[in-house]
Amino acid sequence: MRIPRLSLTFIALAFWGAAVAAPAAPIERDLGQGLIYFRVHHLPEDLPAASGGPGKPCVLDLRYVTGDSARSALLVRWLKARATARAPVFLLANQETAPALLTPFSSADSIAGLVILGAGAPGFAPDIALPITPQEDRRAYEAMERGITVDALLNDSPDKVRNDEARLAKEHLQDGDLSDPPAEADAGAAAKTPPPLIDAVLQRAIQLHRSLLAMRRL
């Protein structure tokens, strides 16, 4: 049977519309040393199952998530079932996270084991505020959506820089050249090398987790 051209066009548009409307899937990553990362796009559907009690320490990324008081209540219930002082939840948020979702955590009667981190901004006061711009936060967040690995978003290679400097100094000594390189060359090299794209908020959450491990608090 021959299908009319108009029908084929309608079917193609229907499939395209369904693909566009399909919600983004939640993201889960292993951050090492018992820390798990969960990125939520929709509440409460994307929350990992609370397996009858506190789990491992985790990062819960709620940046750019929308929601009302009803969804906030479900989030609070999940956090109370999951977070403890020995298994904290590092909640990532920002100025564009729905205020209704964060309102319950602004009171003194907060949840033990919950730490909120995010880019500092007017009207948004996380427990740990990072001095980054909303644009930097957005770029780092969207990079993972495009498939950039967690390692790439965390590695600003400070050790590599120090090692490279030490190697260059050693080579200068071996060559007998102790003069400083021209300032113009340094400035040109710096201009050609853009800073690495780092998710500073996620990086700080991991650093905090590692510090608590080192202090045997987890």
Protein backbone atom coordinates (compact mmCIF):
# COMPACT_ATOMS: atom_id res chain seq x y z
CA MET A 1 0.00 0.00 0.00
CA ARG A 2 1.35 3.39 -0.94
CA ILE A 3 1.42 5.91 1.90
CA PRO A 4 0.62 9.48 0.84
CA ARG A 5 3.53 11.93 1.03
CA LEU A 6 1.61 14.10 3.53
CA SER A 7 1.25 11.13 5.90
CA LEU A 8 4.97 10.38 5.73
CA THR A 9 5.74 13.99 6.60
CA PHE A 10 3.33 13.88 9.54
CA ILE A 11 4.92 10.65 10.86
CA ALA A 12 8.42 12.14 10.60
CA LEU A 13 7.34 15.27 12.45
CA ALA A 14 5.67 13.18 15.15
CA PHE A 15 8.84 11.17 15.76
CA TRP A 16 10.92 14.36 15.80
CA GLY A 17 8.55 15.99 18.29
CA ALA A 18 8.66 12.96 20.57
CA ALA A 19 12.48 13.03 20.52
CA VAL A 20 12.56 16.72 21.37
CA ALA A 21 10.02 16.33 24.18
CA ALA A 22 11.79 13.33 25.73
CA PRO A 23 13.23 14.38 29.11
CA ALA A 24 16.96 14.12 29.67
CA ALA A 25 17.97 11.01 31.56
CA PRO A 26 19.55 11.34 34.99
CA ILE A 27 23.33 10.98 35.14
CA GLU A 28 25.21 8.78 37.60
CA ARG A 29 28.99 8.67 37.98
CA ASP A 30 31.41 6.97 40.37
CA LEU A 31 33.68 9.67 41.85
CA GLY A 32 35.90 7.20 43.66
CA GLN A 33 36.54 6.37 47.33
CA GLY A 34 32.88 5.59 47.97
CA LEU A 35 31.44 8.84 46.55
CA ILE A 36 28.66 8.69 43.93
CA TYR A 37 27.42 11.54 41.72
CA PHE A 38 23.75 11.88 40.77
CA ARG A 39 22.57 14.57 38.37
CA VAL A 40 18.84 15.27 38.61
CA HIS A 41 16.86 16.87 35.79
CA HIS A 42 13.35 16.24 37.13
CA LEU A 43 12.05 15.73 40.66
CA PRO A 44 11.22 13.31 42.10
CA GLU A 45 11.60 10.93 39.14
CA ASP A 46 15.40 11.20 38.92
CA LEU A 47 16.14 10.68 42.61
CA PRO A 48 17.95 7.39 43.20
CA ALA A 49 16.03 4.87 45.24
CA ALA A 50 16.59 5.17 48.99
CA SER A 51 17.30 1.55 49.88
CA GLY A 52 15.64 1.51 53.26
CA GLY A 53 18.25 3.62 55.02
CA PRO A 54 21.34 5.79 54.71
CA GLY A 55 23.59 4.98 51.78
CA LYS A 56 27.06 6.01 50.75
CA PRO A 57 28.12 9.65 50.62
CA CYS A 58 26.88 11.19 47.41
CA VAL A 59 26.76 14.35 45.33
CA LEU A 60 23.24 15.39 44.32
CA ASP A 61 23.33 17.93 41.49
CA LEU A 62 20.19 20.11 41.46
CA ARG A 63 21.55 22.99 39.40
CA TYR A 64 18.87 24.42 37.07
CA VAL A 65 16.18 22.07 38.44
CA THR A 66 12.63 23.43 38.70
CA GLY A 67 10.00 22.42 41.23
CA ASP A 68 7.30 23.54 43.63
CA SER A 69 6.63 22.98 47.32
CA ALA A 70 5.18 19.52 46.68
CA ARG A 71 8.35 18.39 44.93
CA SER A 72 10.40 20.04 47.65
CA ALA A 73 8.62 17.93 50.26
CA LEU A 74 9.55 14.78 48.35
CA LEU A 75 13.15 15.96 48.14
CA VAL A 76 13.25 16.59 51.89
CA ARG A 77 11.84 13.13 52.55
CA TRP A 78 14.54 11.57 50.35
CA LEU A 79 17.32 13.57 52.02
CA LYS A 80 16.14 12.63 55.51
CA ALA A 81 16.21 8.97 54.50
CA ARG A 82 19.63 9.24 52.87
CA ALA A 83 21.83 11.86 54.54
CA THR A 84 23.65 11.36 57.85
CA ALA A 85 26.79 12.81 59.40
CA ARG A 86 28.67 9.64 58.33
CA ALA A 87 27.10 9.53 54.87
CA PRO A 88 26.67 13.17 53.83
CA VAL A 89 24.89 14.46 50.76
CA PHE A 90 26.71 17.25 48.96
CA LEU A 91 23.92 19.13 47.22
CA LEU A 92 24.96 21.28 44.25
CA ALA A 93 22.64 24.19 43.48
CA ASN A 94 22.74 27.70 42.07
CA GLN A 95 20.70 30.83 41.63
CA GLU A 96 18.60 29.11 38.96
CA THR A 97 17.62 26.18 41.14
CA ALA A 98 13.94 26.67 42.04
CA PRO A 99 13.80 28.60 45.35
CA ALA A 100 10.92 26.39 46.51
CA LEU A 101 13.26 23.40 46.49
CA LEU A 102 15.81 25.08 48.74
CA THR A 103 13.52 26.95 51.13
CA PRO A 104 13.27 24.07 53.69
CA PHE A 105 17.06 24.15 54.13
CA SER A 106 17.29 27.81 55.06
CA SER A 107 16.06 27.28 58.60
CA ALA A 108 18.13 26.28 61.59
CA ASP A 109 16.32 22.93 61.68
CA SER A 110 18.19 21.59 58.68
CA ILE A 111 19.13 18.02 57.77
CA ALA A 112 22.17 16.46 59.41
CA GLY A 113 24.72 15.47 56.81
CA LEU A 114 23.48 17.90 54.15
CA VAL A 115 25.97 20.41 52.69
CA ILE A 116 24.83 22.82 49.97
CA LEU A 117 27.48 24.14 47.57
CA GLY A 118 27.15 26.52 44.66
CA ALA A 119 28.25 29.64 42.85
CA GLY A 120 27.68 32.61 45.13
CA ALA A 121 24.99 34.98 43.86
CA PRO A 122 22.51 37.57 45.20
CA GLY A 123 19.58 35.82 46.86
CA PHE A 124 21.38 32.47 47.00
CA ALA A 125 23.37 31.62 50.11
CA PRO A 126 24.73 28.06 50.08
CA ASP A 127 26.75 26.61 52.94
CA ILE A 128 29.84 26.86 50.73
CA ALA A 129 29.82 29.60 48.09
CA LEU A 130 32.25 29.38 45.18
CA PRO A 131 33.61 32.60 43.61
CA ILE A 132 32.68 31.74 40.03
CA THR A 133 30.37 33.47 37.57
CA PRO A 134 26.99 32.08 36.46
CA GLN A 135 28.46 31.73 32.97
CA GLU A 136 31.34 29.57 34.22
CA ASP A 137 28.90 27.45 36.21
CA ARG A 138 26.65 26.97 33.17
CA ARG A 139 29.52 26.06 30.85
CA ALA A 140 30.87 23.44 33.25
CA TYR A 141 27.39 22.00 33.84
CA GLU A 142 26.57 21.74 30.13
CA ALA A 143 29.93 20.15 29.34
CA MET A 144 28.92 16.96 31.14
CA GLU A 145 25.62 16.96 29.26
CA ARG A 146 27.67 16.91 26.05
CA GLY A 147 29.60 13.87 27.22
CA ILE A 148 32.73 15.46 28.72
CA THR A 149 34.09 13.11 31.37
CA VAL A 150 34.13 13.92 35.07
CA ASP A 151 37.92 13.57 35.13
CA ALA A 152 38.27 16.22 32.42
CA LEU A 153 36.05 18.63 34.37
CA LEU A 154 38.02 18.19 37.59
CA ASN A 155 41.62 18.14 36.41
CA ASP A 156 43.19 21.58 36.28
CA SER A 157 46.64 19.90 36.35
CA PRO A 158 48.38 21.99 39.04
CA ASP A 159 50.93 19.22 39.62
CA LYS A 160 51.72 19.00 35.92
CA VAL A 161 52.41 22.72 35.79
CA ARG A 162 54.78 22.49 38.73
CA ASN A 163 56.52 19.45 37.21
CA ASP A 164 56.90 21.20 33.87
CA GLU A 165 58.41 24.25 35.58
CA ALA A 166 60.85 22.05 37.47
CA ARG A 167 61.84 20.24 34.27
CA LEU A 168 62.40 23.50 32.41
CA ALA A 169 64.50 24.88 35.27
CA LYS A 170 66.63 21.74 35.24
CA GLU A 171 67.15 22.01 31.49
CA HIS A 172 68.19 25.64 31.84
CA LEU A 173 70.75 24.70 34.48
CA GLN A 174 72.13 21.90 32.33
CA ASP A 175 72.44 24.22 29.34
CA GLY A 176 74.04 26.92 31.44
CA ASP A 177 71.26 29.34 30.48
CA LEU A 178 70.02 31.01 33.66
CA SER A 179 68.45 34.00 31.96
CA ASP A 180 64.73 34.62 32.23
CA PRO A 181 62.69 34.06 29.06
CA PRO A 182 61.38 37.18 27.34
CA ALA A 183 58.25 38.56 28.99
CA GLU A 184 56.64 39.03 25.57
CA ALA A 185 56.96 35.33 24.82
CA ASP A 186 55.39 34.39 28.16
CA ALA A 187 52.50 36.76 27.58
CA GLY A 188 51.92 35.38 24.10
CA ALA A 189 51.94 31.77 25.30
CA ALA A 190 49.50 32.57 28.10
CA ALA A 191 47.16 34.29 25.65
CA LYS A 192 47.15 31.26 23.35
CA THR A 193 46.39 28.77 26.14
CA PRO A 194 42.83 29.13 27.46
CA PRO A 195 42.23 28.07 31.06
CA PRO A 196 40.83 24.54 31.42
CA LEU A 197 37.08 24.15 31.80
CA ILE A 198 36.64 23.08 35.42
CA ASP A 199 33.43 22.35 37.32
CA ALA A 200 34.53 24.23 40.42
CA VAL A 201 31.39 23.38 42.40
CA LEU A 202 31.71 19.64 41.86
CA GLN A 203 35.46 19.86 42.44
CA ARG A 204 34.92 21.51 45.84
CA ALA A 205 32.37 18.85 46.85
CA ILE A 206 34.91 16.12 46.09
CA GLN A 207 37.66 17.98 47.95
CA LEU A 208 35.38 18.26 50.99
CA HIS A 209 34.59 14.55 50.85
CA ARG A 210 38.29 13.67 50.65
CA SER A 211 39.07 15.97 53.58
CA LEU A 212 36.40 14.32 55.72
CA LEU A 213 37.82 10.92 54.78
CA ALA A 214 41.30 12.02 55.78
CA MET A 215 39.99 13.21 59.14
CA ARG A 216 38.17 9.86 59.59
CA ARG A 217 34.83 11.61 59.84
CA LEU A 218 33.21 9.23 57.33
